[in-house]
């Protein structure tokens, strides 16, 4: 069983930065793409960013492109989300997730992901 544990959320003023981390249990982390999603109150969970198993391919939602950066350290079983120039509309619970597909590229829909963390709250004030 894979467990994912996010950290790094918190409160920040608009224009500030946060870095989220997600540590995965197990020995198969390096063979799977990872994704970050977020869910604001009364909204559906939405894609934020994904990174392929090798780290060579990344993708971003248009709303965060140029402000957020996803990266991974396979030696530490950890995926990161660096969030800069934060806006109030970035306020949400952020979840990391592991792809279903062995050595996948990381897709943008929730159905593609088999394992999810418990989430970490990010609040951006104006």
C-alpha atoms as a PDB file:
ATOM      1  CA  UNK A   1       0.000   0.000   0.000  1.00  0.00           C
ATOM      2  CA  UNK A   2       1.275   3.450  -0.944  1.00  0.00           C
ATOM      3  CA  UNK A   3       0.933   6.306   1.501  1.00  0.00           C
ATOM      4  CA  UNK A   4       1.402   9.948   0.564  1.00  0.00           C
ATOM      5  CA  UNK A   5       1.921  12.662   3.156  1.00  0.00           C
ATOM      6  CA  UNK A   6       1.809  16.341   2.195  1.00  0.00           C
ATOM      7  CA  UNK A   7       3.295  19.217   4.165  1.00  0.00           C
ATOM      8  CA  UNK A   8       4.204  22.843   3.725  1.00  0.00           C
ATOM      9  CA  UNK A   9       0.800  24.444   3.529  1.00  0.00           C
ATOM     10  CA  UNK A  10      -0.134  27.511   5.511  1.00  0.00           C
ATOM     11  CA  UNK A  11      -1.214  31.114   5.374  1.00  0.00           C
ATOM     12  CA  UNK A  12       0.498  33.662   3.167  1.00  0.00           C
ATOM     13  CA  UNK A  13      -0.239  37.113   1.809  1.00  0.00           C
ATOM     14  CA  UNK A  14      -0.858  37.636  -1.870  1.00  0.00           C
ATOM     15  CA  UNK A  15       2.408  37.757  -3.779  1.00  0.00           C
ATOM     16  CA  UNK A  16       4.106  35.419  -1.335  1.00  0.00           C
ATOM     17  CA  UNK A  17       5.514  31.930  -1.786  1.00  0.00           C
ATOM     18  CA  UNK A  18       5.117  28.479  -0.321  1.00  0.00           C
ATOM     19  CA  UNK A  19       6.722  25.133  -1.079  1.00  0.00           C
ATOM     20  CA  UNK A  20       4.657  22.007  -0.659  1.00  0.00           C
ATOM     21  CA  UNK A  21       6.250  18.598  -0.169  1.00  0.00           C
ATOM     22  CA  UNK A  22       4.792  15.137  -0.552  1.00  0.00           C
ATOM     23  CA  UNK A  23       6.636  12.104   0.761  1.00  0.00           C
ATOM     24  CA  UNK A  24       5.660   8.678  -0.548  1.00  0.00           C
ATOM     25  CA  UNK A  25       6.106   5.352   1.184  1.00  0.00           C
ATOM     26  CA  UNK A  26       7.301   2.281  -0.667  1.00  0.00           C
ATOM     27  CA  UNK A  27      10.051   1.453  -3.090  1.00  0.00           C
ATOM     28  CA  UNK A  28       8.234   2.162  -6.350  1.00  0.00           C
ATOM     29  CA  UNK A  29       8.064   5.960  -6.188  1.00  0.00           C
ATOM     30  CA  UNK A  30      10.649   6.484  -8.934  1.00  0.00           C
ATOM     31  CA  UNK A  31       8.605   4.445 -11.446  1.00  0.00           C
ATOM     32  CA  UNK A  32       5.445   6.545 -11.318  1.00  0.00           C
ATOM     33  CA  UNK A  33       4.366   9.995 -12.350  1.00  0.00           C
ATOM     34  CA  UNK A  34       3.104  12.288  -9.618  1.00  0.00           C
ATOM     35  CA  UNK A  35       0.545  15.037  -9.650  1.00  0.00           C
ATOM     36  CA  UNK A  36      -0.709  17.923  -7.551  1.00  0.00           C
ATOM     37  CA  UNK A  37      -4.387  18.809  -7.436  1.00  0.00           C
ATOM     38  CA  UNK A  38      -6.367  21.313  -5.398  1.00  0.00           C
ATOM     39  CA  UNK A  39      -9.901  21.727  -4.172  1.00  0.00           C
ATOM     40  CA  UNK A  40     -11.471  24.970  -3.043  1.00  0.00           C
ATOM     41  CA  UNK A  41     -14.690  25.083  -0.992  1.00  0.00           C
ATOM     42  CA  UNK A  42     -17.747  24.176  -3.061  1.00  0.00           C
ATOM     43  CA  UNK A  43     -15.625  23.450  -6.103  1.00  0.00           C
ATOM     44  CA  UNK A  44     -14.462  20.271  -7.782  1.00  0.00           C
ATOM     45  CA  UNK A  45     -10.942  19.011  -7.395  1.00  0.00           C
ATOM     46  CA  UNK A  46      -8.793  20.420 -10.194  1.00  0.00           C
ATOM     47  CA  UNK A  47      -5.457  19.635 -11.741  1.00  0.00           C
ATOM     48  CA  UNK A  48      -2.500  21.851 -10.826  1.00  0.00           C
ATOM     49  CA  UNK A  49       0.697  20.169 -12.038  1.00  0.00           C
ATOM     50  CA  UNK A  50       2.201  16.798 -12.919  1.00  0.00           C
ATOM     51  CA  UNK A  51       5.655  15.342 -13.411  1.00  0.00           C
ATOM     52  CA  UNK A  52       6.622  12.184 -15.241  1.00  0.00           C
ATOM     53  CA  UNK A  53       8.326   9.257 -13.537  1.00  0.00           C
ATOM     54  CA  UNK A  54      11.711  10.400 -14.891  1.00  0.00           C
ATOM     55  CA  UNK A  55      11.145  14.052 -14.081  1.00  0.00           C
ATOM     56  CA  UNK A  56      11.767  15.053 -17.680  1.00  0.00           C
ATOM     57  CA  UNK A  57       8.161  15.922 -18.526  1.00  0.00           C
ATOM     58  CA  UNK A  58       6.076  18.421 -16.576  1.00  0.00           C
ATOM     59  CA  UNK A  59       2.671  19.915 -17.185  1.00  0.00           C
ATOM     60  CA  UNK A  60       0.706  22.721 -15.554  1.00  0.00           C
ATOM     61  CA  UNK A  61      -2.756  24.138 -15.411  1.00  0.00           C
ATOM     62  CA  UNK A  62      -2.978  27.427 -17.284  1.00  0.00           C
ATOM     63  CA  UNK A  63      -3.931  29.204 -14.067  1.00  0.00           C
ATOM     64  CA  UNK A  64      -0.574  28.405 -12.427  1.00  0.00           C
ATOM     65  CA  UNK A  65       1.776  28.312 -15.401  1.00  0.00           C
ATOM     66  CA  UNK A  66       4.770  30.560 -14.840  1.00  0.00           C
ATOM     67  CA  UNK A  67       4.123  30.789 -11.092  1.00  0.00           C
ATOM     68  CA  UNK A  68       4.277  27.175  -9.865  1.00  0.00           C
ATOM     69  CA  UNK A  69       7.044  24.615 -10.392  1.00  0.00           C
ATOM     70  CA  UNK A  70       6.773  20.889  -9.802  1.00  0.00           C
ATOM     71  CA  UNK A  71       9.871  18.814  -9.153  1.00  0.00           C
ATOM     72  CA  UNK A  72      10.831  15.470  -7.659  1.00  0.00           C
ATOM     73  CA  UNK A  73      13.698  13.871  -5.795  1.00  0.00           C
ATOM     74  CA  UNK A  74      13.493  10.134  -6.342  1.00  0.00           C
ATOM     75  CA  UNK A  75      16.232   9.465  -3.803  1.00  0.00           C
ATOM     76  CA  UNK A  76      13.985  11.004  -1.146  1.00  0.00           C
ATOM     77  CA  UNK A  77      10.669   9.670  -2.472  1.00  0.00           C
ATOM     78  CA  UNK A  78       9.475  13.260  -2.517  1.00  0.00           C
ATOM     79  CA  UNK A  79       7.644  15.502  -4.950  1.00  0.00           C
ATOM     80  CA  UNK A  80       7.560  19.273  -4.482  1.00  0.00           C
ATOM     81  CA  UNK A  81       5.377  22.137  -5.585  1.00  0.00           C
ATOM     82  CA  UNK A  82       7.032  25.543  -5.445  1.00  0.00           C
ATOM     83  CA  UNK A  83       4.338  28.201  -5.506  1.00  0.00           C
ATOM     84  CA  UNK A  84       5.323  31.810  -6.189  1.00  0.00           C
ATOM     85  CA  UNK A  85       3.294  34.981  -6.740  1.00  0.00           C
ATOM     86  CA  UNK A  86       0.401  33.442  -4.895  1.00  0.00           C
ATOM     87  CA  UNK A  87      -3.084  34.859  -5.409  1.00  0.00           C
ATOM     88  CA  UNK A  88      -6.213  34.643  -3.248  1.00  0.00           C
ATOM     89  CA  UNK A  89      -7.749  32.356  -5.869  1.00  0.00           C
ATOM     90  CA  UNK A  90      -4.991  29.810  -5.136  1.00  0.00           C
ATOM     91  CA  UNK A  91      -6.612  29.214  -1.739  1.00  0.00           C
ATOM     92  CA  UNK A  92      -7.524  25.531  -1.532  1.00  0.00           C
ATOM     93  CA  UNK A  93      -6.613  22.185  -0.045  1.00  0.00           C
ATOM     94  CA  UNK A  94      -3.728  20.810  -2.079  1.00  0.00           C
ATOM     95  CA  UNK A  95      -3.375  17.076  -2.684  1.00  0.00           C
ATOM     96  CA  UNK A  96      -0.565  15.043  -4.143  1.00  0.00           C
ATOM     97  CA  UNK A  97      -1.337  11.856  -6.023  1.00  0.00           C
ATOM     98  CA  UNK A  98       0.445   8.928  -7.652  1.00  0.00           C
ATOM     99  CA  UNK A  99      -0.278   7.859 -11.210  1.00  0.00           C
ATOM    100  CA  UNK A 100      -1.866   4.458 -11.936  1.00  0.00           C
ATOM    101  CA  UNK A 101       0.408   3.847 -14.927  1.00  0.00           C
ATOM    102  CA  UNK A 102       3.903   2.378 -14.625  1.00  0.00           C
ATOM    103  CA  UNK A 103       6.406   4.930 -15.987  1.00  0.00           C
ATOM    104  CA  UNK A 104       3.671   7.281 -17.096  1.00  0.00           C
ATOM    105  CA  UNK A 105       4.009  10.908 -18.081  1.00  0.00           C
ATOM    106  CA  UNK A 106       1.502  12.280 -15.580  1.00  0.00           C
ATOM    107  CA  UNK A 107      -1.933  13.235 -16.823  1.00  0.00           C
ATOM    108  CA  UNK A 108      -4.397  15.905 -15.798  1.00  0.00           C
ATOM    109  CA  UNK A 109      -7.501  14.021 -14.672  1.00  0.00           C
ATOM    110  CA  UNK A 110      -8.147  12.632 -11.200  1.00  0.00           C
ATOM    111  CA  UNK A 111      -9.173   9.224 -12.553  1.00  0.00           C
ATOM    112  CA  UNK A 112      -5.606   8.651 -13.724  1.00  0.00           C
ATOM    113  CA  UNK A 113      -4.319   8.636 -10.146  1.00  0.00           C
ATOM    114  CA  UNK A 114      -4.559   5.675  -7.806  1.00  0.00           C
ATOM    115  CA  UNK A 115      -3.260   7.016  -4.510  1.00  0.00           C
ATOM    116  CA  UNK A 116      -3.923  10.317  -2.751  1.00  0.00           C
ATOM    117  CA  UNK A 117      -2.574  12.152   0.250  1.00  0.00           C
ATOM    118  CA  UNK A 118      -4.719  13.694   2.950  1.00  0.00           C
ATOM    119  CA  UNK A 119      -4.190  17.227   1.687  1.00  0.00           C
ATOM    120  CA  UNK A 120      -2.627  20.398   3.049  1.00  0.00           C
ATOM    121  CA  UNK A 121      -4.428  23.723   3.344  1.00  0.00           C
ATOM    122  CA  UNK A 122      -3.084  26.775   1.520  1.00  0.00           C
ATOM    123  CA  UNK A 123      -4.688  30.124   2.338  1.00  0.00           C
ATOM    124  CA  UNK A 124      -3.726  33.285   0.467  1.00  0.00           C
ATOM    125  CA  UNK A 125      -5.018  36.565   1.818  1.00  0.00           C
ATOM    126  CA  UNK A 126      -5.448  39.717  -0.233  1.00  0.00           C
END
